[in-house]
């Protein structure tokens, strides 16, 4: 049994030195299912553990017929960088660049 086509969207990444908290969703058969998880190493790097709520797991199971196979496939795609990064439209860029902020030059 093969999995249906789906897209992984990452819409939040924390800025950690060792690990990053990542949140997003999968688009699967016209349905968005949210996930969160922790990426160890660099972003899109060596290890990623996606986490789903019980409701999300049940939804994926009903859409794919095999949650475990889906979860393994998704983990491999995340590690290989096969996802889209889409920060929410209302998210602002929050960090300071050298030379900005009115300091004397």
PDB file of N, CA and C in Angstrom:
ATOM      1  N   UNK A   1       0.840  -1.184   0.000  1.00  0.00           N
ATOM      2  CA  UNK A   1       0.000   0.000   0.000  1.00  0.00           C
ATOM      3  C   UNK A   1       0.886   1.248   0.000  1.00  0.00           C
ATOM      4  N   UNK A   2       0.637   2.151  -0.934  1.00  0.00           N
ATOM      5  CA  UNK A   2       1.432   3.374  -0.975  1.00  0.00           C
ATOM      6  C   UNK A   2       0.664   4.517  -0.328  1.00  0.00           C
ATOM      7  N   UNK A   3       1.408   5.497   0.149  1.00  0.00           N
ATOM      8  CA  UNK A   3       0.799   6.658   0.805  1.00  0.00           C
ATOM      9  C   UNK A   3       0.264   7.632  -0.239  1.00  0.00           C
ATOM     10  N   UNK A   4      -0.814   8.348   0.098  1.00  0.00           N
ATOM     11  CA  UNK A   4      -1.282   9.396  -0.803  1.00  0.00           C
ATOM     12  C   UNK A   4      -0.277  10.546  -0.830  1.00  0.00           C
ATOM     13  N   UNK A   5      -0.327  11.342  -1.877  1.00  0.00           N
ATOM     14  CA  UNK A   5       0.549  12.507  -1.996  1.00  0.00           C
ATOM     15  C   UNK A   5       0.229  13.507  -0.885  1.00  0.00           C
ATOM     16  N   UNK A   6       1.262  14.144  -0.344  1.00  0.00           N
ATOM     17  CA  UNK A   6       1.052  15.178   0.672  1.00  0.00           C
ATOM     18  C   UNK A   6       2.207  16.166   0.644  1.00  0.00           C
ATOM     19  N   UNK A   7       1.961  17.340   1.224  1.00  0.00           N
ATOM     20  CA  UNK A   7       2.957  18.401   1.286  1.00  0.00           C
ATOM     21  C   UNK A   7       3.178  18.756   2.752  1.00  0.00           C
ATOM     22  N   UNK A   8       4.430  18.982   3.119  1.00  0.00           N
ATOM     23  CA  UNK A   8       4.779  19.399   4.479  1.00  0.00           C
ATOM     24  C   UNK A   8       5.071  20.897   4.461  1.00  0.00           C
ATOM     25  N   UNK A   9       4.402  21.636   5.340  1.00  0.00           N
ATOM     26  CA  UNK A   9       4.602  23.080   5.469  1.00  0.00           C
ATOM     27  C   UNK A   9       5.119  23.362   6.877  1.00  0.00           C
ATOM     28  N   UNK A  10       6.268  24.017   6.977  1.00  0.00           N
ATOM     29  CA  UNK A  10       6.811  24.449   8.271  1.00  0.00           C
ATOM     30  C   UNK A  10       6.533  25.938   8.386  1.00  0.00           C
ATOM     31  N   UNK A  11       5.786  26.343   9.434  1.00  0.00           N
ATOM     32  CA  UNK A  11       5.445  27.760   9.571  1.00  0.00           C
ATOM     33  C   UNK A  11       6.025  28.417  10.820  1.00  0.00           C
ATOM     34  N   UNK A  12       6.798  27.670  11.614  1.00  0.00           N
ATOM     35  CA  UNK A  12       7.471  28.261  12.774  1.00  0.00           C
ATOM     36  C   UNK A  12       8.716  27.452  13.097  1.00  0.00           C
ATOM     37  N   UNK A  13       9.813  28.144  13.358  1.00  0.00           N
ATOM     38  CA  UNK A  13      11.054  27.510  13.801  1.00  0.00           C
ATOM     39  C   UNK A  13      11.656  28.384  14.884  1.00  0.00           C
ATOM     40  N   UNK A  14      11.885  27.813  16.067  1.00  0.00           N
ATOM     41  CA  UNK A  14      12.576  28.562  17.115  1.00  0.00           C
ATOM     42  C   UNK A  14      14.050  28.641  16.756  1.00  0.00           C
ATOM     43  N   UNK A  15      14.762  29.523  17.407  1.00  0.00           N
ATOM     44  CA  UNK A  15      16.189  29.676  17.129  1.00  0.00           C
ATOM     45  C   UNK A  15      17.013  29.146  18.289  1.00  0.00           C
ATOM     46  N   UNK A  16      17.213  27.845  18.343  1.00  0.00           N
ATOM     47  CA  UNK A  16      18.019  27.227  19.384  1.00  0.00           C
ATOM     48  C   UNK A  16      19.410  26.917  18.875  1.00  0.00           C
ATOM     49  N   UNK A  17      20.360  26.777  19.791  1.00  0.00           N
ATOM     50  CA  UNK A  17      21.733  26.465  19.386  1.00  0.00           C
ATOM     51  C   UNK A  17      21.918  24.992  19.073  1.00  0.00           C
ATOM     52  N   UNK A  18      21.230  24.113  19.813  1.00  0.00           N
ATOM     53  CA  UNK A  18      21.401  22.681  19.634  1.00  0.00           C
ATOM     54  C   UNK A  18      20.168  22.060  18.975  1.00  0.00           C
ATOM     55  N   UNK A  19      18.996  22.516  19.388  1.00  0.00           N
ATOM     56  CA  UNK A  19      17.751  21.964  18.855  1.00  0.00           C
ATOM     57  C   UNK A  19      16.779  23.105  18.567  1.00  0.00           C
ATOM     58  N   UNK A  20      15.885  22.877  17.622  1.00  0.00           N
ATOM     59  CA  UNK A  20      14.866  23.860  17.271  1.00  0.00           C
ATOM     60  C   UNK A  20      13.486  23.255  17.435  1.00  0.00           C
ATOM     61  N   UNK A  21      12.576  24.027  18.008  1.00  0.00           N
ATOM     62  CA  UNK A  21      11.171  23.642  18.035  1.00  0.00           C
ATOM     63  C   UNK A  21      10.594  24.024  16.684  1.00  0.00           C
ATOM     64  N   UNK A  22       9.908  23.100  16.058  1.00  0.00           N
ATOM     65  CA  UNK A  22       9.341  23.342  14.733  1.00  0.00           C
ATOM     66  C   UNK A  22       7.853  23.040  14.776  1.00  0.00           C
ATOM     67  N   UNK A  23       7.077  23.911  14.138  1.00  0.00           N
ATOM     68  CA  UNK A  23       5.639  23.678  14.017  1.00  0.00           C
ATOM     69  C   UNK A  23       5.228  23.857  12.575  1.00  0.00           C
ATOM     70  N   UNK A  24       4.177  23.175  12.200  1.00  0.00           N
ATOM     71  CA  UNK A  24       3.666  23.293  10.848  1.00  0.00           C
ATOM     72  C   UNK A  24       2.469  22.407  10.646  1.00  0.00           C
ATOM     73  N   UNK A  25       2.248  22.045   9.395  1.00  0.00           N
ATOM     74  CA  UNK A  25       1.126  21.183   9.073  1.00  0.00           C
ATOM     75  C   UNK A  25       1.429  20.409   7.798  1.00  0.00           C
ATOM     76  N   UNK A  26       0.677  19.343   7.599  1.00  0.00           N
ATOM     77  CA  UNK A  26       0.720  18.605   6.349  1.00  0.00           C
ATOM     78  C   UNK A  26      -0.593  18.857   5.625  1.00  0.00           C
ATOM     79  N   UNK A  27      -0.503  19.017   4.314  1.00  0.00           N
ATOM     80  CA  UNK A  27      -1.689  19.106   3.473  1.00  0.00           C
ATOM     81  C   UNK A  27      -1.854  17.734   2.834  1.00  0.00           C
ATOM     82  N   UNK A  28      -2.947  17.072   3.171  1.00  0.00           N
ATOM     83  CA  UNK A  28      -3.170  15.686   2.785  1.00  0.00           C
ATOM     84  C   UNK A  28      -4.621  15.514   2.369  1.00  0.00           C
ATOM     85  N   UNK A  29      -4.854  15.207   1.115  1.00  0.00           N
ATOM     86  CA  UNK A  29      -6.214  15.014   0.592  1.00  0.00           C
ATOM     87  C   UNK A  29      -7.124  16.205   0.910  1.00  0.00           C
ATOM     88  N   UNK A  30      -6.593  17.411   0.723  1.00  0.00           N
ATOM     89  CA  UNK A  30      -7.377  18.624   0.965  1.00  0.00           C
ATOM     90  C   UNK A  30      -7.563  18.982   2.430  1.00  0.00           C
ATOM     91  N   UNK A  31      -6.879  18.304   3.313  1.00  0.00           N
ATOM     92  CA  UNK A  31      -6.999  18.527   4.752  1.00  0.00           C
ATOM     93  C   UNK A  31      -5.663  18.987   5.316  1.00  0.00           C
ATOM     94  N   UNK A  32      -5.697  19.977   6.219  1.00  0.00           N
ATOM     95  CA  UNK A  32      -4.486  20.413   6.920  1.00  0.00           C
ATOM     96  C   UNK A  32      -4.464  19.752   8.289  1.00  0.00           C
ATOM     97  N   UNK A  33      -3.354  19.097   8.602  1.00  0.00           N
ATOM     98  CA  UNK A  33      -3.182  18.460   9.905  1.00  0.00           C
ATOM     99  C   UNK A  33      -1.921  19.035  10.540  1.00  0.00           C
ATOM    100  N   UNK A  34      -2.072  19.663  11.710  1.00  0.00           N
ATOM    101  CA  UNK A  34      -0.959  20.328  12.397  1.00  0.00           C
ATOM    102  C   UNK A  34      -0.030  19.319  13.053  1.00  0.00           C
ATOM    103  N   UNK A  35       1.248  19.709  13.172  1.00  0.00           N
ATOM    104  CA  UNK A  35       2.232  18.922  13.911  1.00  0.00           C
ATOM    105  C   UNK A  35       3.207  19.881  14.580  1.00  0.00           C
ATOM    106  N   UNK A  36       3.949  19.358  15.521  1.00  0.00           N
ATOM    107  CA  UNK A  36       5.067  20.085  16.120  1.00  0.00           C
ATOM    108  C   UNK A  36       6.180  19.062  16.278  1.00  0.00           C
ATOM    109  N   UNK A  37       7.325  19.522  16.693  1.00  0.00           N
ATOM    110  CA  UNK A  37       8.416  18.586  16.900  1.00  0.00           C
ATOM    111  C   UNK A  37       9.708  19.292  17.211  1.00  0.00           C
ATOM    112  N   UNK A  38      10.733  18.496  17.378  1.00  0.00           N
ATOM    113  CA  UNK A  38      12.058  19.015  17.687  1.00  0.00           C
ATOM    114  C   UNK A  38      13.021  18.524  16.622  1.00  0.00           C
ATOM    115  N   UNK A  39      13.799  19.468  16.095  1.00  0.00           N
ATOM    116  CA  UNK A  39      14.851  19.128  15.137  1.00  0.00           C
ATOM    117  C   UNK A  39      16.185  19.247  15.866  1.00  0.00           C
ATOM    118  N   UNK A  40      16.964  18.180  15.820  1.00  0.00           N
ATOM    119  CA  UNK A  40      18.298  18.185  16.421  1.00  0.00           C
ATOM    120  C   UNK A  40      19.320  18.355  15.319  1.00  0.00           C
ATOM    121  N   UNK A  41      20.346  19.113  15.607  1.00  0.00           N
ATOM    122  CA  UNK A  41      21.327  19.421  14.574  1.00  0.00           C
ATOM    123  C   UNK A  41      20.861  20.675  13.859  1.00  0.00           C
ATOM    124  N   UNK A  42      21.293  20.856  12.630  1.00  0.00           N
ATOM    125  CA  UNK A  42      20.887  22.056  11.921  1.00  0.00           C
ATOM    126  C   UNK A  42      19.488  21.886  11.352  1.00  0.00           C
ATOM    127  N   UNK A  43      18.843  22.997  11.002  1.00  0.00           N
ATOM    128  CA  UNK A  43      17.479  22.994  10.466  1.00  0.00           C
ATOM    129  C   UNK A  43      17.419  22.103   9.233  1.00  0.00           C
ATOM    130  N   UNK A  44      16.443  21.209   9.184  1.00  0.00           N
ATOM    131  CA  UNK A  44      16.376  20.252   8.092  1.00  0.00           C
ATOM    132  C   UNK A  44      17.475  19.213   8.200  1.00  0.00           C
ATOM    133  N   UNK A  45      18.044  19.104   9.407  1.00  0.00           N
ATOM    134  CA  UNK A  45      19.266  18.332   9.595  1.00  0.00           C
ATOM    135  C   UNK A  45      19.079  16.872   9.917  1.00  0.00           C
ATOM    136  N   UNK A  46      19.915  16.371  10.775  1.00  0.00           N
ATOM    137  CA  UNK A  46      20.083  14.941  10.950  1.00  0.00           C
ATOM    138  C   UNK A  46      18.911  14.225  11.615  1.00  0.00           C
ATOM    139  N   UNK A  47      18.167  14.863  12.490  1.00  0.00           N
ATOM    140  CA  UNK A  47      17.134  14.155  13.221  1.00  0.00           C
ATOM    141  C   UNK A  47      15.937  15.060  13.460  1.00  0.00           C
ATOM    142  N   UNK A  48      14.769  14.544  13.206  1.00  0.00           N
ATOM    143  CA  UNK A  48      13.544  15.290  13.452  1.00  0.00           C
ATOM    144  C   UNK A  48      12.500  14.333  13.972  1.00  0.00           C
ATOM    145  N   UNK A  49      11.825  14.737  15.032  1.00  0.00           N
ATOM    146  CA  UNK A  49      10.791  13.897  15.627  1.00  0.00           C
ATOM    147  C   UNK A  49       9.452  14.624  15.573  1.00  0.00           C
ATOM    148  N   UNK A  50       8.602  14.319  14.564  1.00  0.00           N
ATOM    149  CA  UNK A  50       7.298  14.982  14.495  1.00  0.00           C
ATOM    150  C   UNK A  50       6.353  14.442  15.564  1.00  0.00           C
ATOM    151  N   UNK A  51       5.549  15.331  16.134  1.00  0.00           N
ATOM    152  CA  UNK A  51       4.581  14.963  17.160  1.00  0.00           C
ATOM    153  C   UNK A  51       3.192  15.385  16.699  1.00  0.00           C
ATOM    154  N   UNK A  52       2.221  14.501  16.868  1.00  0.00           N
ATOM    155  CA  UNK A  52       0.835  14.776  16.516  1.00  0.00           C
ATOM    156  C   UNK A  52      -0.048  14.545  17.731  1.00  0.00           C
ATOM    157  N   UNK A  53      -1.118  15.327  17.844  1.00  0.00           N
ATOM    158  CA  UNK A  53      -2.107  15.077  18.891  1.00  0.00           C
ATOM    159  C   UNK A  53      -2.850  13.787  18.566  1.00  0.00           C
ATOM    160  N   UNK A  54      -3.599  13.257  19.528  1.00  0.00           N
ATOM    161  CA  UNK A  54      -4.384  12.041  19.289  1.00  0.00           C
ATOM    162  C   UNK A  54      -5.388  12.257  18.164  1.00  0.00           C
ATOM    163  N   UNK A  55      -6.006  13.429  18.121  1.00  0.00           N
ATOM    164  CA  UNK A  55      -6.978  13.740  17.069  1.00  0.00           C
ATOM    165  C   UNK A  55      -6.280  13.779  15.702  1.00  0.00           C
ATOM    166  N   UNK A  56      -5.102  14.417  15.643  1.00  0.00           N
ATOM    167  CA  UNK A  56      -4.351  14.498  14.384  1.00  0.00           C
ATOM    168  C   UNK A  56      -3.921  13.105  13.927  1.00  0.00           C
ATOM    169  N   UNK A  57      -3.465  12.261  14.861  1.00  0.00           N
ATOM    170  CA  UNK A  57      -3.080  10.889  14.508  1.00  0.00           C
ATOM    171  C   UNK A  57      -4.265  10.131  13.911  1.00  0.00           C
ATOM    172  N   UNK A  58      -5.420  10.268  14.537  1.00  0.00           N
ATOM    173  CA  UNK A  58      -6.618   9.580  14.043  1.00  0.00           C
ATOM    174  C   UNK A  58      -7.000  10.083  12.651  1.00  0.00           C
ATOM    175  N   UNK A  59      -6.875  11.392  12.432  1.00  0.00           N
ATOM    176  CA  UNK A  59      -7.195  11.956  11.116  1.00  0.00           C
ATOM    177  C   UNK A  59      -6.239  11.412  10.055  1.00  0.00           C
ATOM    178  N   UNK A  60      -4.938  11.389  10.368  1.00  0.00           N
ATOM    179  CA  UNK A  60      -3.955  10.869   9.414  1.00  0.00           C
ATOM    180  C   UNK A  60      -4.203   9.387   9.151  1.00  0.00           C
ATOM    181  N   UNK A  61      -4.513   8.641  10.198  1.00  0.00           N
ATOM    182  CA  UNK A  61      -4.812   7.214  10.029  1.00  0.00           C
ATOM    183  C   UNK A  61      -5.985   7.035   9.070  1.00  0.00           C
ATOM    184  N   UNK A  62      -7.034   7.848   9.231  1.00  0.00           N
ATOM    185  CA  UNK A  62      -8.202   7.696   8.353  1.00  0.00           C
ATOM    186  C   UNK A  62      -7.902   8.128   6.918  1.00  0.00           C
ATOM    187  N   UNK A  63      -6.996   9.095   6.739  1.00  0.00           N
ATOM    188  CA  UNK A  63      -6.662   9.581   5.400  1.00  0.00           C
ATOM    189  C   UNK A  63      -5.646   8.715   4.665  1.00  0.00           C
ATOM    190  N   UNK A  64      -4.761   8.048   5.430  1.00  0.00           N
ATOM    191  CA  UNK A  64      -3.689   7.268   4.803  1.00  0.00           C
ATOM    192  C   UNK A  64      -3.867   5.766   4.949  1.00  0.00           C
ATOM    193  N   UNK A  65      -4.556   5.352   6.001  1.00  0.00           N
ATOM    194  CA  UNK A  65      -4.697   3.926   6.284  1.00  0.00           C
ATOM    195  C   UNK A  65      -3.522   3.347   7.057  1.00  0.00           C
ATOM    196  N   UNK A  66      -2.466   4.147   7.279  1.00  0.00           N
ATOM    197  CA  UNK A  66      -1.281   3.642   7.980  1.00  0.00           C
ATOM    198  C   UNK A  66      -0.504   4.803   8.600  1.00  0.00           C
ATOM    199  N   UNK A  67      -0.842   5.153   9.845  1.00  0.00           N
ATOM    200  CA  UNK A  67      -0.188   6.281  10.499  1.00  0.00           C
ATOM    201  C   UNK A  67       1.313   6.053  10.655  1.00  0.00           C
ATOM    202  N   UNK A  68       1.717   4.845  11.055  1.00  0.00           N
ATOM    203  CA  UNK A  68       3.140   4.557  11.288  1.00  0.00           C
ATOM    204  C   UNK A  68       3.944   4.757  10.005  1.00  0.00           C
ATOM    205  N   UNK A  69       3.463   4.230   8.897  1.00  0.00           N
ATOM    206  CA  UNK A  69       4.162   4.400   7.616  1.00  0.00           C
ATOM    207  C   UNK A  69       4.226   5.876   7.236  1.00  0.00           C
ATOM    208  N   UNK A  70       3.126   6.613   7.452  1.00  0.00           N
ATOM    209  CA  UNK A  70       3.102   8.045   7.151  1.00  0.00           C
ATOM    210  C   UNK A  70       4.126   8.785   8.000  1.00  0.00           C
ATOM    211  N   UNK A  71       4.147   8.505   9.302  1.00  0.00           N
ATOM    212  CA  UNK A  71       5.066   9.187  10.217  1.00  0.00           C
ATOM    213  C   UNK A  71       6.526   8.938   9.816  1.00  0.00           C
ATOM    214  N   UNK A  72       6.857   7.711   9.447  1.00  0.00           N
ATOM    215  CA  UNK A  72       8.219   7.390   9.017  1.00  0.00           C
ATOM    216  C   UNK A  72       8.573   8.123   7.725  1.00  0.00           C
ATOM    217  N   UNK A  73       7.638   8.160   6.776  1.00  0.00           N
ATOM    218  CA  UNK A  73       7.869   8.853   5.511  1.00  0.00           C
ATOM    219  C   UNK A  73       8.053  10.353   5.744  1.00  0.00           C
ATOM    220  N   UNK A  74       7.208  10.915   6.600  1.00  0.00           N
ATOM    221  CA  UNK A  74       7.304  12.347   6.900  1.00  0.00           C
ATOM    222  C   UNK A  74       8.640  12.677   7.559  1.00  0.00           C
ATOM    223  N   UNK A  75       9.068  11.840   8.495  1.00  0.00           N
ATOM    224  CA  UNK A  75      10.350  12.075   9.177  1.00  0.00           C
ATOM    225  C   UNK A  75      11.495  12.070   8.172  1.00  0.00           C
ATOM    226  N   UNK A  76      11.491  11.121   7.252  1.00  0.00           N
ATOM    227  CA  UNK A  76      12.541  11.081   6.229  1.00  0.00           C
ATOM    228  C   UNK A  76      12.513  12.328   5.352  1.00  0.00           C
ATOM    229  N   UNK A  77      11.329  12.779   4.967  1.00  0.00           N
ATOM    230  CA  UNK A  77      11.213  13.982   4.136  1.00  0.00           C
ATOM    231  C   UNK A  77      11.735  15.209   4.873  1.00  0.00           C
ATOM    232  N   UNK A  78      11.418  15.321   6.155  1.00  0.00           N
ATOM    233  CA  UNK A  78      11.900  16.467   6.937  1.00  0.00           C
ATOM    234  C   UNK A  78      13.423  16.454   7.037  1.00  0.00           C
ATOM    235  N   UNK A  79      13.999  15.293   7.293  1.00  0.00           N
ATOM    236  CA  UNK A  79      15.459  15.181   7.401  1.00  0.00           C
ATOM    237  C   UNK A  79      16.123  15.539   6.072  1.00  0.00           C
ATOM    238  N   UNK A  80      15.497  15.158   4.955  1.00  0.00           N
ATOM    239  CA  UNK A  80      16.055  15.453   3.630  1.00  0.00           C
ATOM    240  C   UNK A  80      15.754  16.879   3.175  1.00  0.00           C
ATOM    241  N   UNK A  81      14.972  17.620   3.944  1.00  0.00           N
ATOM    242  CA  UNK A  81      14.653  18.999   3.579  1.00  0.00           C
ATOM    243  C   UNK A  81      13.532  19.106   2.558  1.00  0.00           C
ATOM    244  N   UNK A  82      12.691  18.096   2.446  1.00  0.00           N
ATOM    245  CA  UNK A  82      11.597  18.088   1.484  1.00  0.00           C
ATOM    246  C   UNK A  82      10.330  18.683   2.106  1.00  0.00           C
ATOM    247  N   UNK A  83      10.369  19.982   2.343  1.00  0.00           N
ATOM    248  CA  UNK A  83       9.230  20.695   2.921  1.00  0.00           C
ATOM    249  C   UNK A  83       9.288  22.132   2.453  1.00  0.00           C
ATOM    250  N   UNK A  84       8.187  22.840   2.655  1.00  0.00           N
ATOM    251  CA  UNK A  84       8.126  24.261   2.341  1.00  0.00           C
ATOM    252  C   UNK A  84       8.151  25.046   3.642  1.00  0.00           C
ATOM    253  N   UNK A  85       8.893  26.147   3.674  1.00  0.00           N
ATOM    254  CA  UNK A  85       8.918  27.041   4.821  1.00  0.00           C
ATOM    255  C   UNK A  85       8.000  28.216   4.507  1.00  0.00           C
ATOM    256  N   UNK A  86       6.954  28.364   5.293  1.00  0.00           N
ATOM    257  CA  UNK A  86       5.978  29.440   5.084  1.00  0.00           C
ATOM    258  C   UNK A  86       5.653  30.100   6.415  1.00  0.00           C
ATOM    259  N   UNK A  87       6.410  31.129   6.803  1.00  0.00           N
ATOM    260  CA  UNK A  87       6.049  31.823   8.039  1.00  0.00           C
ATOM    261  C   UNK A  87       4.686  32.485   7.868  1.00  0.00           C
ATOM    262  N   UNK A  88       3.899  32.569   8.948  1.00  0.00           N
ATOM    263  CA  UNK A  88       2.594  33.223   8.840  1.00  0.00           C
ATOM    264  C   UNK A  88       2.734  34.653   8.328  1.00  0.00           C
ATOM    265  N   UNK A  89       1.735  35.128   7.595  1.00  0.00           N
ATOM    266  CA  UNK A  89       1.792  36.469   7.010  1.00  0.00           C
ATOM    267  C   UNK A  89       1.920  37.574   8.048  1.00  0.00           C
ATOM    268  N   UNK A  90       1.399  37.356   9.261  1.00  0.00           N
ATOM    269  CA  UNK A  90       1.463  38.397  10.283  1.00  0.00           C
ATOM    270  C   UNK A  90       2.715  38.319  11.139  1.00  0.00           C
ATOM    271  N   UNK A  91       3.597  37.362  10.858  1.00  0.00           N
ATOM    272  CA  UNK A  91       4.827  37.238  11.632  1.00  0.00           C
ATOM    273  C   UNK A  91       5.824  38.292  11.178  1.00  0.00           C
ATOM    274  N   UNK A  92       6.382  39.013  12.139  1.00  0.00           N
ATOM    275  CA  UNK A  92       7.343  40.066  11.825  1.00  0.00           C
ATOM    276  C   UNK A  92       8.753  39.561  12.026  1.00  0.00           C
ATOM    277  N   UNK A  93       9.661  40.223  11.389  1.00  0.00           N
ATOM    278  CA  UNK A  93      11.088  39.910  11.456  1.00  0.00           C
ATOM    279  C   UNK A  93      11.618  40.572  12.724  1.00  0.00           C
ATOM    280  N   UNK A  94      12.036  39.769  13.731  1.00  0.00           N
ATOM    281  CA  UNK A  94      12.446  40.316  15.023  1.00  0.00           C
ATOM    282  C   UNK A  94      13.897  40.014  15.342  1.00  0.00           C
ATOM    283  N   UNK A  95      14.799  40.751  14.800  1.00  0.00           N
ATOM    284  CA  UNK A  95      16.148  40.741  15.334  1.00  0.00           C
ATOM    285  C   UNK A  95      16.849  42.012  14.893  1.00  0.00           C
ATOM    286  N   UNK A  96      17.953  42.288  15.521  1.00  0.00           N
ATOM    287  CA  UNK A  96      18.645  43.560  15.342  1.00  0.00           C
ATOM    288  C   UNK A  96      19.831  43.395  14.406  1.00  0.00           C
ATOM    289  N   UNK A  97      19.940  44.277  13.438  1.00  0.00           N
ATOM    290  CA  UNK A  97      21.097  44.266  12.533  1.00  0.00           C
ATOM    291  C   UNK A  97      22.101  45.309  13.004  1.00  0.00           C
ATOM    292  N   UNK A  98      23.377  45.021  12.900  1.00  0.00           N
ATOM    293  CA  UNK A  98      24.401  45.996  13.272  1.00  0.00           C
ATOM    294  C   UNK A  98      24.209  47.266  12.464  1.00  0.00           C
ATOM    295  N   UNK A  99      24.381  48.394  13.106  1.00  0.00           N
ATOM    296  CA  UNK A  99      24.244  49.668  12.414  1.00  0.00           C
ATOM    297  C   UNK A  99      22.838  50.217  12.425  1.00  0.00           C
ATOM    298  N   UNK A 100      21.866  49.450  12.947  1.00  0.00           N
ATOM    299  CA  UNK A 100      20.487  49.942  13.026  1.00  0.00           C
ATOM    300  C   UNK A 100      20.183  50.343  14.448  1.00  0.00           C
ATOM    301  N   UNK A 101      19.138  51.116  14.618  1.00  0.00           N
ATOM    302  CA  UNK A 101      18.687  51.447  15.970  1.00  0.00           C
ATOM    303  C   UNK A 101      19.203  52.783  16.460  1.00  0.00           C
ATOM    304  N   UNK A 102      19.814  53.566  15.630  1.00  0.00           N
ATOM    305  CA  UNK A 102      20.201  54.929  16.018  1.00  0.00           C
ATOM    306  C   UNK A 102      21.508  55.034  16.755  1.00  0.00           C
ATOM    307  N   UNK A 103      22.319  53.983  16.802  1.00  0.00           N
ATOM    308  CA  UNK A 103      23.606  54.121  17.476  1.00  0.00           C
ATOM    309  C   UNK A 103      24.506  55.035  16.646  1.00  0.00           C
ATOM    310  N   UNK A 104      25.435  55.714  17.283  1.00  0.00           N
ATOM    311  CA  UNK A 104      26.376  56.503  16.531  1.00  0.00           C
ATOM    312  C   UNK A 104      27.205  55.619  15.604  1.00  0.00           C
ATOM    313  N   UNK A 105      27.406  56.055  14.371  1.00  0.00           N
ATOM    314  CA  UNK A 105      28.035  55.245  13.371  1.00  0.00           C
ATOM    315  C   UNK A 105      29.473  55.151  13.447  1.00  0.00           C
TER     316      UNK A 105
END
